[in-house]
PDB file of N, CA and C in Angstrom:
ATOM      1  N   MET A   1      96.141  96.372 102.958  1.00  0.00           N
ATOM      2  CA  MET A   1      96.722  97.697 102.917  1.00  0.00           C
ATOM      3  C   MET A   1      97.612  97.791 101.685  1.00  0.00           C
ATOM      4  N   ASP A   2      97.354  98.789 100.906  1.00  0.00           N
ATOM      5  CA  ASP A   2      98.138  98.989  99.700  1.00  0.00           C
ATOM      6  C   ASP A   2      99.439  99.717 100.019  1.00  0.00           C
ATOM      7  N   VAL A   3     100.398  99.507  99.165  1.00  0.00           N
ATOM      8  CA  VAL A   3     101.654 100.232  99.289  1.00  0.00           C
ATOM      9  C   VAL A   3     101.421 101.701  98.988  1.00  0.00           C
ATOM     10  N   ASP A   4     100.431 101.982  98.136  1.00  0.00           N
ATOM     11  CA  ASP A   4     100.079 103.354  97.807  1.00  0.00           C
ATOM     12  C   ASP A   4      99.666 104.133  99.056  1.00  0.00           C
ATOM     13  N   PHE A   5      98.942 103.489  99.947  1.00  0.00           N
ATOM     14  CA  PHE A   5      98.511 104.126 101.186  1.00  0.00           C
ATOM     15  C   PHE A   5      99.709 104.508 102.057  1.00  0.00           C
ATOM     16  N   VAL A   6     100.666 103.614 102.150  1.00  0.00           N
ATOM     17  CA  VAL A   6     101.871 103.875 102.946  1.00  0.00           C
ATOM     18  C   VAL A   6     102.674 105.018 102.323  1.00  0.00           C
ATOM     19  N   PHE A   7     102.794 105.027 101.000  1.00  0.00           N
ATOM     20  CA  PHE A   7     103.516 106.111 100.332  1.00  0.00           C
ATOM     21  C   PHE A   7     102.797 107.444 100.504  1.00  0.00           C
ATOM     22  N   ARG A   8     101.480 107.424 100.504  1.00  0.00           N
ATOM     23  CA  ARG A   8     100.716 108.650 100.695  1.00  0.00           C
ATOM     24  C   ARG A   8     100.961 109.226 102.092  1.00  0.00           C
ATOM     25  N   ILE A   9     100.962 108.364 103.102  1.00  0.00           N
ATOM     26  CA  ILE A   9     101.236 108.810 104.465  1.00  0.00           C
ATOM     27  C   ILE A   9     102.670 109.324 104.584  1.00  0.00           C
ATOM     28  N   ALA A  10     103.612 108.636 103.960  1.00  0.00           N
ATOM     29  CA  ALA A  10     105.004 109.086 103.992  1.00  0.00           C
ATOM     30  C   ALA A  10     105.158 110.422 103.283  1.00  0.00           C
ATOM     31  N   GLY A  11     104.464 110.612 102.187  1.00  0.00           N
ATOM     32  CA  GLY A  11     104.529 111.883 101.465  1.00  0.00           C
ATOM     33  C   GLY A  11     103.987 113.032 102.293  1.00  0.00           C
ATOM     34  N   ILE A  12     102.875 112.792 102.971  1.00  0.00           N
ATOM     35  CA  ILE A  12     102.317 113.821 103.842  1.00  0.00           C
ATOM     36  C   ILE A  12     103.292 114.139 104.965  1.00  0.00           C
ATOM     37  N   GLY A  13     103.922 113.121 105.505  1.00  0.00           N
ATOM     38  CA  GLY A  13     104.909 113.336 106.567  1.00  0.00           C
ATOM     39  C   GLY A  13     106.086 114.156 106.109  1.00  0.00           C
ATOM     40  N   ILE A  14     106.587 113.891 104.913  1.00  0.00           N
ATOM     41  CA  ILE A  14     107.726 114.644 104.384  1.00  0.00           C
ATOM     42  C   ILE A  14     107.335 116.098 104.137  1.00  0.00           C
ATOM     43  N   VAL A  15     106.167 116.316 103.539  1.00  0.00           N
ATOM     44  CA  VAL A  15     105.726 117.691 103.259  1.00  0.00           C
ATOM     45  C   VAL A  15     105.517 118.469 104.552  1.00  0.00           C
ATOM     46  N   VAL A  16     104.883 117.851 105.533  1.00  0.00           N
ATOM     47  CA  VAL A  16     104.645 118.523 106.806  1.00  0.00           C
ATOM     48  C   VAL A  16     105.962 118.825 107.517  1.00  0.00           C
ATOM     49  N   THR A  17     106.911 117.919 107.434  1.00  0.00           N
ATOM     50  CA  THR A  17     108.216 118.154 108.046  1.00  0.00           C
ATOM     51  C   THR A  17     108.933 119.329 107.407  1.00  0.00           C
ATOM     52  N   VAL A  18     108.916 119.398 106.094  1.00  0.00           N
ATOM     53  CA  VAL A  18     109.570 120.508 105.396  1.00  0.00           C
ATOM     54  C   VAL A  18     108.896 121.831 105.746  1.00  0.00           C
ATOM     55  N   ILE A  19     107.562 121.846 105.726  1.00  0.00           N
ATOM     56  CA  ILE A  19     106.842 123.073 106.065  1.00  0.00           C
ATOM     57  C   ILE A  19     107.135 123.481 107.507  1.00  0.00           C
ATOM     58  N   GLY A  20     107.157 122.527 108.400  1.00  0.00           N
ATOM     59  CA  GLY A  20     107.455 122.818 109.805  1.00  0.00           C
ATOM     60  C   GLY A  20     108.846 123.377 109.998  1.00  0.00           C
ATOM     61  N   GLN A  21     109.824 122.818 109.305  1.00  0.00           N
ATOM     62  CA  GLN A  21     111.199 123.311 109.425  1.00  0.00           C
ATOM     63  C   GLN A  21     111.341 124.715 108.861  1.00  0.00           C
ATOM     64  N   VAL A  22     110.711 124.957 107.720  1.00  0.00           N
ATOM     65  CA  VAL A  22     110.798 126.295 107.107  1.00  0.00           C
ATOM     66  C   VAL A  22     110.157 127.327 108.018  1.00  0.00           C
ATOM     67  N   LEU A  23     108.979 127.016 108.532  1.00  0.00           N
ATOM     68  CA  LEU A  23     108.302 127.960 109.413  1.00  0.00           C
ATOM     69  C   LEU A  23     109.052 128.149 110.725  1.00  0.00           C
ATOM     70  N   SER A  24     109.634 127.095 111.236  1.00  0.00           N
ATOM     71  CA  SER A  24     110.379 127.186 112.488  1.00  0.00           C
ATOM     72  C   SER A  24     111.622 128.057 112.327  1.00  0.00           C
ATOM     73  N   ARG A  25     112.327 127.918 111.224  1.00  0.00           N
ATOM     74  CA  ARG A  25     113.523 128.734 110.990  1.00  0.00           C
ATOM     75  C   ARG A  25     113.174 130.185 110.679  1.00  0.00           C
ATOM     76  N   ALA A  26     111.939 130.411 110.241  1.00  0.00           N
ATOM     77  CA  ALA A  26     111.493 131.780 109.984  1.00  0.00           C
ATOM     78  C   ALA A  26     110.975 132.446 111.261  1.00  0.00           C
ATOM     79  N   GLY A  27     110.997 131.703 112.352  1.00  0.00           N
ATOM     80  CA  GLY A  27     110.556 132.266 113.618  1.00  0.00           C
ATOM     81  C   GLY A  27     109.072 132.146 113.861  1.00  0.00           C
ATOM     82  N   ARG A  28     108.387 131.356 113.076  1.00  0.00           N
ATOM     83  CA  ARG A  28     106.940 131.171 113.213  1.00  0.00           C
ATOM     84  C   ARG A  28     106.653 129.810 113.822  1.00  0.00           C
ATOM     85  N   ASP A  29     107.098 129.613 115.046  1.00  0.00           N
ATOM     86  CA  ASP A  29     106.950 128.312 115.698  1.00  0.00           C
ATOM     87  C   ASP A  29     105.487 127.950 115.949  1.00  0.00           C
ATOM     88  N   ASP A  30     104.652 128.941 116.210  1.00  0.00           N
ATOM     89  CA  ASP A  30     103.243 128.649 116.463  1.00  0.00           C
ATOM     90  C   ASP A  30     102.553 128.132 115.203  1.00  0.00           C
ATOM     91  N   ILE A  31     102.864 128.721 114.071  1.00  0.00           N
ATOM     92  CA  ILE A  31     102.281 128.262 112.812  1.00  0.00           C
ATOM     93  C   ILE A  31     102.860 126.904 112.421  1.00  0.00           C
ATOM     94  N   ALA A  32     104.134 126.677 112.746  1.00  0.00           N
ATOM     95  CA  ALA A  32     104.750 125.378 112.465  1.00  0.00           C
ATOM     96  C   ALA A  32     104.055 124.273 113.253  1.00  0.00           C
ATOM     97  N   MET A  33     103.696 124.571 114.504  1.00  0.00           N
ATOM     98  CA  MET A  33     102.982 123.576 115.313  1.00  0.00           C
ATOM     99  C   MET A  33     101.596 123.306 114.740  1.00  0.00           C
ATOM    100  N   LEU A  34     100.919 124.342 114.266  1.00  0.00           N
ATOM    101  CA  LEU A  34      99.609 124.145 113.649  1.00  0.00           C
ATOM    102  C   LEU A  34      99.709 123.324 112.365  1.00  0.00           C
ATOM    103  N   ALA A  35     100.754 123.542 111.588  1.00  0.00           N
ATOM    104  CA  ALA A  35     100.945 122.759 110.367  1.00  0.00           C
ATOM    105  C   ALA A  35     101.185 121.286 110.705  1.00  0.00           C
ATOM    106  N   THR A  36     101.968 121.041 111.748  1.00  0.00           N
ATOM    107  CA  THR A  36     102.233 119.672 112.173  1.00  0.00           C
ATOM    108  C   THR A  36     100.957 118.994 112.656  1.00  0.00           C
ATOM    109  N   LEU A  37     100.175 119.711 113.451  1.00  0.00           N
ATOM    110  CA  LEU A  37      98.914 119.142 113.934  1.00  0.00           C
ATOM    111  C   LEU A  37      97.933 118.902 112.793  1.00  0.00           C
ATOM    112  N   SER A  38      97.927 119.777 111.812  1.00  0.00           N
ATOM    113  CA  SER A  38      97.048 119.588 110.652  1.00  0.00           C
ATOM    114  C   SER A  38      97.434 118.328 109.878  1.00  0.00           C
ATOM    115  N   GLY A  39      98.726 118.119 109.687  1.00  0.00           N
ATOM    116  CA  GLY A  39      99.181 116.905 109.014  1.00  0.00           C
ATOM    117  C   GLY A  39      98.800 115.657 109.790  1.00  0.00           C
ATOM    118  N   LEU A  40      98.916 115.726 111.112  1.00  0.00           N
ATOM    119  CA  LEU A  40      98.548 114.590 111.949  1.00  0.00           C
ATOM    120  C   LEU A  40      97.061 114.282 111.837  1.00  0.00           C
ATOM    121  N   VAL A  41      96.232 115.317 111.829  1.00  0.00           N
ATOM    122  CA  VAL A  41      94.786 115.121 111.720  1.00  0.00           C
ATOM    123  C   VAL A  41      94.427 114.506 110.366  1.00  0.00           C
ATOM    124  N   VAL A  42      95.075 114.962 109.305  1.00  0.00           N
ATOM    125  CA  VAL A  42      94.799 114.411 107.967  1.00  0.00           C
ATOM    126  C   VAL A  42      95.142 112.930 107.920  1.00  0.00           C
ATOM    127  N   VAL A  43      96.292 112.569 108.456  1.00  0.00           N
ATOM    128  CA  VAL A  43      96.704 111.157 108.444  1.00  0.00           C
ATOM    129  C   VAL A  43      95.775 110.323 109.317  1.00  0.00           C
ATOM    130  N   LEU A  44      95.379 110.840 110.475  1.00  0.00           N
ATOM    131  CA  LEU A  44      94.467 110.094 111.339  1.00  0.00           C
ATOM    132  C   LEU A  44      93.100 109.891 110.685  1.00  0.00           C
ATOM    133  N   MET A  45      92.635 110.874 109.921  1.00  0.00           N
ATOM    134  CA  MET A  45      91.369 110.706 109.207  1.00  0.00           C
ATOM    135  C   MET A  45      91.501 109.639 108.121  1.00  0.00           C
ATOM    136  N   MET A  46      92.641 109.594 107.443  1.00  0.00           N
ATOM    137  CA  MET A  46      92.862 108.562 106.429  1.00  0.00           C
ATOM    138  C   MET A  46      92.870 107.181 107.063  1.00  0.00           C
ATOM    139  N   VAL A  47      93.545 107.049 108.190  1.00  0.00           N
ATOM    140  CA  VAL A  47      93.620 105.755 108.877  1.00  0.00           C
ATOM    141  C   VAL A  47      92.253 105.366 109.420  1.00  0.00           C
ATOM    142  N   ALA A  48      91.506 106.341 109.937  1.00  0.00           N
ATOM    143  CA  ALA A  48      90.167 106.038 110.478  1.00  0.00           C
ATOM    144  C   ALA A  48      89.234 105.533 109.382  1.00  0.00           C
ATOM    145  N   SER A  49      89.321 106.120 108.191  1.00  0.00           N
ATOM    146  CA  SER A  49      88.467 105.632 107.110  1.00  0.00           C
ATOM    147  C   SER A  49      88.866 104.223 106.679  1.00  0.00           C
ATOM    148  N   MET A  50      90.158 103.932 106.714  1.00  0.00           N
ATOM    149  CA  MET A  50      90.601 102.581 106.364  1.00  0.00           C
ATOM    150  C   MET A  50      90.139 101.568 107.416  1.00  0.00           C
ATOM    151  N   ILE A  51      90.200 101.937 108.674  1.00  0.00           N
ATOM    152  CA  ILE A  51      89.736 101.045 109.746  1.00  0.00           C
ATOM    153  C   ILE A  51      88.227 100.845 109.646  1.00  0.00           C
ATOM    154  N   SER A  52      87.504 101.901 109.302  1.00  0.00           N
ATOM    155  CA  SER A  52      86.055 101.789 109.136  1.00  0.00           C
ATOM    156  C   SER A  52      85.698 100.809 108.021  1.00  0.00           C
ATOM    157  N   SER A  53      86.389 100.904 106.900  1.00  0.00           N
ATOM    158  CA  SER A  53      86.115  99.964 105.813  1.00  0.00           C
ATOM    159  C   SER A  53      86.514  98.541 106.192  1.00  0.00           C
ATOM    160  N   PHE A  54      87.545  98.401 107.005  1.00  0.00           N
ATOM    161  CA  PHE A  54      87.942  97.077 107.487  1.00  0.00           C
ATOM    162  C   PHE A  54      86.834  96.450 108.328  1.00  0.00           C
ATOM    163  N   PHE A  55      86.283  97.227 109.270  1.00  0.00           N
ATOM    164  CA  PHE A  55      85.217  96.692 110.111  1.00  0.00           C
ATOM    165  C   PHE A  55      83.947  96.425 109.313  1.00  0.00           C
ATOM    166  N   THR A  56      83.691  97.219 108.294  1.00  0.00           N
ATOM    167  CA  THR A  56      82.536  96.965 107.434  1.00  0.00           C
ATOM    168  C   THR A  56      82.691  95.646 106.687  1.00  0.00           C
ATOM    169  N   SER A  57      83.896  95.382 106.200  1.00  0.00           N
ATOM    170  CA  SER A  57      84.122  94.117 105.502  1.00  0.00           C
ATOM    171  C   SER A  57      84.060  92.926 106.458  1.00  0.00           C
ATOM    172  N   ILE A  58      84.525  93.096 107.674  1.00  0.00           N
ATOM    173  CA  ILE A  58      84.436  92.017 108.673  1.00  0.00           C
ATOM    174  C   ILE A  58      82.972  91.756 109.026  1.00  0.00           C
ATOM    175  N   ARG A  59      82.184  92.835 109.163  1.00  0.00           N
ATOM    176  CA  ARG A  59      80.765  92.675 109.453  1.00  0.00           C
ATOM    177  C   ARG A  59      80.060  91.944 108.299  1.00  0.00           C
ATOM    178  N   GLY A  60      80.423  92.278 107.068  1.00  0.00           N
ATOM    179  CA  GLY A  60      79.846  91.601 105.915  1.00  0.00           C
ATOM    180  C   GLY A  60      80.280  90.153 105.834  1.00  0.00           C
ATOM    181  N   LEU A  61      81.489  89.867 106.274  1.00  0.00           N
ATOM    182  CA  LEU A  61      81.990  88.510 106.247  1.00  0.00           C
ATOM    183  C   LEU A  61      81.193  87.598 107.162  1.00  0.00           C
ATOM    184  N   PHE A  62      80.877  88.098 108.344  1.00  0.00           N
ATOM    185  CA  PHE A  62      80.128  87.301 109.310  1.00  0.00           C
ATOM    186  C   PHE A  62      78.626  87.560 109.243  1.00  0.00           C
ATOM    187  N   ALA A  63      78.192  88.421 108.330  1.00  0.00           N
ATOM    188  CA  ALA A  63      76.774  88.738 108.089  1.00  0.00           C
ATOM    189  C   ALA A  63      76.044  89.124 109.374  1.00  0.00           C
ATOM    190  N   LEU A  64      76.640  90.090 110.069  1.00  0.00           N
ATOM    191  CA  LEU A  64      76.007  90.566 111.313  1.00  0.00           C
ATOM    192  C   LEU A  64      75.271  91.855 111.056  1.00  0.00           C
TER     193      LEU A  64
END
């Protein structure tokens, strides 16, 4: 796992938090929740692709 990956996830978290706070203070709580869920989905897709490549490398290691 690269440090770049961790910084990318942290950056997405900071941006989503700021957007959520701005929307929440503007009275748009429903849109703030959608923004938070969108950020969560993006991060989960990034992690899923990293896990997929991990299992591919493990499969190649054991030649299965």
